[in-house]
Structure formats: C-alpha cells, structure tokens
Amino acid sequence: ASLLRIADGLDRTHFSLVRALHVKLGKQITIQVHLTGDAEMELWAAKSRADLFEQVFRRRVQFSGMPLKTRQS
C-alpha cells in the first residue's frame, strides 16, 4: 500500500508526465523521476504520500525531478 500511494502521487494530474524512475538505495532512498513536462504537482503529491513508506521501511525518501531530453528534428 505504501508504494501504491507514492505511485498514485506520481500521476496526480493524470497527464502521464513521469516516464521512468531510477532508485538509489542507501541510508535514504533517492528516487529520480524522469519527466516529460512540468510535474511539480506530481513531485509534491509523491512527497506528501511517502510518509507511510518511510514509516514502514524506516528510511527517508527523497525525490528529484529530471527532465527527459527531447529529440530535435
């Protein structure tokens, strides 16, 4: 359930702005979110829903947004 809450936050606006995730495990969990547009709302929602995950796994979760490079014609 805790992971589903984060996933739901990452699709907050239902515009499918998140294309990929890269997760680094350590003392904290860092989630790099690869985005196709302005996903400030998605990052905010995921952060606000990470509390249960942090409580269950006893690790802090940190999110960072990374814009995907678009191909130019």
N, C-alpha and C. Protein backbone atom coordinates (compact mmCIF):
# COMPACT_ATOMS: atom_id res chain seq x y z
N ALA A 1 0.82 -1.20 0.00
CA ALA A 1 0.00 0.00 0.00
C ALA A 1 0.86 1.26 0.00
N SER A 2 1.99 1.23 0.70
CA SER A 2 2.81 2.45 0.79
C SER A 2 3.42 2.81 -0.56
N LEU A 3 3.80 1.82 -1.34
CA LEU A 3 4.36 2.07 -2.66
C LEU A 3 3.28 2.55 -3.64
N LEU A 4 2.08 2.01 -3.52
CA LEU A 4 0.97 2.46 -4.36
C LEU A 4 0.61 3.91 -4.09
N ARG A 5 0.73 4.35 -2.85
CA ARG A 5 0.46 5.75 -2.52
C ARG A 5 1.43 6.67 -3.25
N ILE A 6 2.71 6.30 -3.28
CA ILE A 6 3.71 7.10 -4.00
C ILE A 6 3.41 7.09 -5.50
N ALA A 7 3.11 5.91 -6.05
CA ALA A 7 2.80 5.81 -7.48
C ALA A 7 1.59 6.66 -7.84
N ASP A 8 0.59 6.65 -7.00
CA ASP A 8 -0.60 7.47 -7.24
C ASP A 8 -0.23 8.95 -7.25
N GLY A 9 0.64 9.36 -6.35
CA GLY A 9 1.09 10.75 -6.32
C GLY A 9 1.85 11.13 -7.58
N LEU A 10 2.62 10.19 -8.12
CA LEU A 10 3.41 10.48 -9.32
C LEU A 10 2.56 10.60 -10.58
N ASP A 11 1.27 10.29 -10.48
CA ASP A 11 0.36 10.51 -11.61
C ASP A 11 -0.80 11.39 -11.16
N ARG A 12 -0.50 12.36 -10.32
CA ARG A 12 -1.51 13.22 -9.70
C ARG A 12 -2.41 13.91 -10.72
N THR A 13 -1.84 14.46 -11.77
CA THR A 13 -2.63 15.22 -12.75
C THR A 13 -3.20 14.33 -13.86
N HIS A 14 -2.80 13.06 -13.90
CA HIS A 14 -3.23 12.12 -14.94
C HIS A 14 -2.81 12.56 -16.35
N PHE A 15 -1.68 13.29 -16.44
CA PHE A 15 -1.15 13.70 -17.74
C PHE A 15 0.03 12.81 -18.18
N SER A 16 0.32 11.76 -17.42
CA SER A 16 1.41 10.82 -17.74
C SER A 16 2.74 11.53 -17.97
N LEU A 17 3.10 12.41 -17.05
CA LEU A 17 4.33 13.19 -17.17
C LEU A 17 5.57 12.41 -16.73
N VAL A 18 5.40 11.38 -15.93
CA VAL A 18 6.52 10.57 -15.45
C VAL A 18 6.76 9.45 -16.45
N ARG A 19 7.99 9.38 -16.97
CA ARG A 19 8.32 8.36 -17.97
C ARG A 19 9.16 7.22 -17.40
N ALA A 20 9.96 7.51 -16.37
CA ALA A 20 10.83 6.48 -15.80
C ALA A 20 11.26 6.90 -14.40
N LEU A 21 11.71 5.92 -13.63
CA LEU A 21 12.24 6.17 -12.30
C LEU A 21 13.60 5.49 -12.19
N HIS A 22 14.48 6.10 -11.42
CA HIS A 22 15.75 5.49 -11.09
C HIS A 22 15.86 5.58 -9.57
N VAL A 23 16.04 4.44 -8.92
CA VAL A 23 16.04 4.39 -7.45
C VAL A 23 17.42 4.03 -6.95
N LYS A 24 17.91 4.81 -5.98
CA LYS A 24 19.18 4.52 -5.32
C LYS A 24 18.88 4.18 -3.86
N LEU A 25 19.39 3.03 -3.42
CA LEU A 25 19.18 2.59 -2.04
C LEU A 25 20.41 2.87 -1.21
N GLY A 26 20.20 3.32 -0.02
CA GLY A 26 21.26 3.60 0.93
C GLY A 26 20.62 3.88 2.27
N LYS A 27 21.24 4.75 3.06
CA LYS A 27 20.62 5.14 4.33
C LYS A 27 19.28 5.81 4.08
N GLN A 28 19.18 6.46 2.94
CA GLN A 28 17.90 7.00 2.49
C GLN A 28 17.63 6.45 1.10
N ILE A 29 16.42 6.59 0.64
CA ILE A 29 16.05 6.14 -0.70
C ILE A 29 15.89 7.37 -1.57
N THR A 30 16.65 7.42 -2.65
CA THR A 30 16.56 8.54 -3.58
C THR A 30 15.86 8.05 -4.84
N ILE A 31 14.79 8.75 -5.21
CA ILE A 31 14.04 8.40 -6.41
C ILE A 31 14.18 9.53 -7.41
N GLN A 32 14.89 9.25 -8.51
CA GLN A 32 15.00 10.22 -9.60
C GLN A 32 13.82 9.97 -10.53
N VAL A 33 13.05 11.01 -10.74
CA VAL A 33 11.84 10.91 -11.54
C VAL A 33 12.11 11.57 -12.89
N HIS A 34 12.06 10.80 -13.97
CA HIS A 34 12.31 11.32 -15.31
C HIS A 34 11.00 11.80 -15.90
N LEU A 35 10.96 13.09 -16.24
CA LEU A 35 9.71 13.78 -16.58
C LEU A 35 9.69 14.29 -18.01
N THR A 36 8.48 14.42 -18.55
CA THR A 36 8.33 14.97 -19.90
C THR A 36 7.75 16.38 -19.88
N GLY A 37 7.47 16.93 -18.74
CA GLY A 37 6.89 18.27 -18.65
C GLY A 37 6.97 18.78 -17.23
N ASP A 38 6.22 19.82 -16.95
CA ASP A 38 6.18 20.41 -15.61
C ASP A 38 5.39 19.49 -14.69
N ALA A 39 6.10 18.79 -13.83
CA ALA A 39 5.46 17.81 -12.95
C ALA A 39 5.61 18.21 -11.49
N GLU A 40 5.57 19.50 -11.22
CA GLU A 40 5.69 19.98 -9.85
C GLU A 40 4.61 19.38 -8.96
N MET A 41 3.40 19.28 -9.49
CA MET A 41 2.29 18.72 -8.71
C MET A 41 2.53 17.24 -8.40
N GLU A 42 3.07 16.50 -9.37
CA GLU A 42 3.35 15.08 -9.15
C GLU A 42 4.41 14.89 -8.08
N LEU A 43 5.48 15.67 -8.14
CA LEU A 43 6.54 15.55 -7.14
C LEU A 43 6.02 15.92 -5.76
N TRP A 44 5.22 16.97 -5.67
CA TRP A 44 4.65 17.38 -4.39
C TRP A 44 3.76 16.27 -3.83
N ALA A 45 2.90 15.70 -4.68
CA ALA A 45 1.98 14.66 -4.23
C ALA A 45 2.73 13.41 -3.79
N ALA A 46 3.76 13.02 -4.52
CA ALA A 46 4.54 11.84 -4.14
C ALA A 46 5.23 12.06 -2.80
N LYS A 47 5.81 13.25 -2.61
CA LYS A 47 6.46 13.57 -1.33
C LYS A 47 5.46 13.53 -0.19
N SER A 48 4.28 14.06 -0.42
CA SER A 48 3.29 14.11 0.65
C SER A 48 2.72 12.73 0.97
N ARG A 49 2.87 11.78 0.06
CA ARG A 49 2.34 10.43 0.28
C ARG A 49 3.43 9.42 0.66
N ALA A 50 4.64 9.88 0.84
CA ALA A 50 5.75 8.98 1.17
C ALA A 50 5.83 8.66 2.65
N ASP A 51 5.00 9.29 3.47
CA ASP A 51 5.09 9.11 4.92
C ASP A 51 4.91 7.66 5.36
N LEU A 52 3.95 6.96 4.80
CA LEU A 52 3.72 5.56 5.18
C LEU A 52 4.90 4.69 4.78
N PHE A 53 5.45 4.91 3.59
CA PHE A 53 6.62 4.16 3.12
C PHE A 53 7.79 4.37 4.09
N GLU A 54 8.02 5.63 4.47
CA GLU A 54 9.12 5.94 5.39
C GLU A 54 8.91 5.28 6.74
N GLN A 55 7.69 5.23 7.19
CA GLN A 55 7.38 4.62 8.48
C GLN A 55 7.58 3.10 8.42
N VAL A 56 7.11 2.47 7.36
CA VAL A 56 7.20 1.02 7.23
C VAL A 56 8.64 0.56 7.05
N PHE A 57 9.40 1.24 6.18
CA PHE A 57 10.76 0.80 5.85
C PHE A 57 11.84 1.53 6.64
N ARG A 58 11.44 2.48 7.46
CA ARG A 58 12.36 3.22 8.34
C ARG A 58 13.51 3.85 7.57
N ARG A 59 13.17 4.40 6.41
CA ARG A 59 14.15 5.13 5.59
C ARG A 59 13.47 6.36 5.01
N ARG A 60 14.21 7.43 4.96
CA ARG A 60 13.71 8.67 4.37
C ARG A 60 13.71 8.54 2.85
N VAL A 61 12.69 9.09 2.22
CA VAL A 61 12.60 9.07 0.76
C VAL A 61 12.82 10.48 0.25
N GLN A 62 13.69 10.61 -0.74
CA GLN A 62 13.96 11.90 -1.37
C GLN A 62 13.67 11.77 -2.86
N PHE A 63 12.95 12.75 -3.40
CA PHE A 63 12.60 12.76 -4.82
C PHE A 63 13.37 13.87 -5.52
N SER A 64 13.77 13.60 -6.77
CA SER A 64 14.35 14.66 -7.60
C SER A 64 13.79 14.50 -9.01
N GLY A 65 13.38 15.61 -9.58
CA GLY A 65 12.84 15.62 -10.94
C GLY A 65 13.94 15.83 -11.95
N MET A 66 13.94 15.02 -13.00
CA MET A 66 14.94 15.12 -14.06
C MET A 66 14.20 15.18 -15.39
N PRO A 67 14.28 16.32 -16.09
CA PRO A 67 13.59 16.40 -17.39
C PRO A 67 14.24 15.47 -18.41
N LEU A 68 13.41 14.81 -19.17
CA LEU A 68 13.92 13.97 -20.26
C LEU A 68 14.33 14.86 -21.41
N LYS A 69 15.42 14.51 -22.06
CA LYS A 69 15.85 15.27 -23.23
C LYS A 69 14.98 14.86 -24.40
N THR A 70 14.49 15.84 -25.12
CA THR A 70 13.66 15.54 -26.28
C THR A 70 14.52 15.55 -27.53
N ARG A 71 14.15 14.73 -28.49
CA ARG A 71 14.89 14.70 -29.75
C ARG A 71 14.48 15.87 -30.61
N GLN A 72 15.47 16.49 -31.23
CA GLN A 72 15.18 17.61 -32.12
C GLN A 72 15.29 17.13 -33.56
N SER A 73 14.40 17.60 -34.41
CA SER A 73 14.40 17.19 -35.82
C SER A 73 15.41 17.98 -36.61
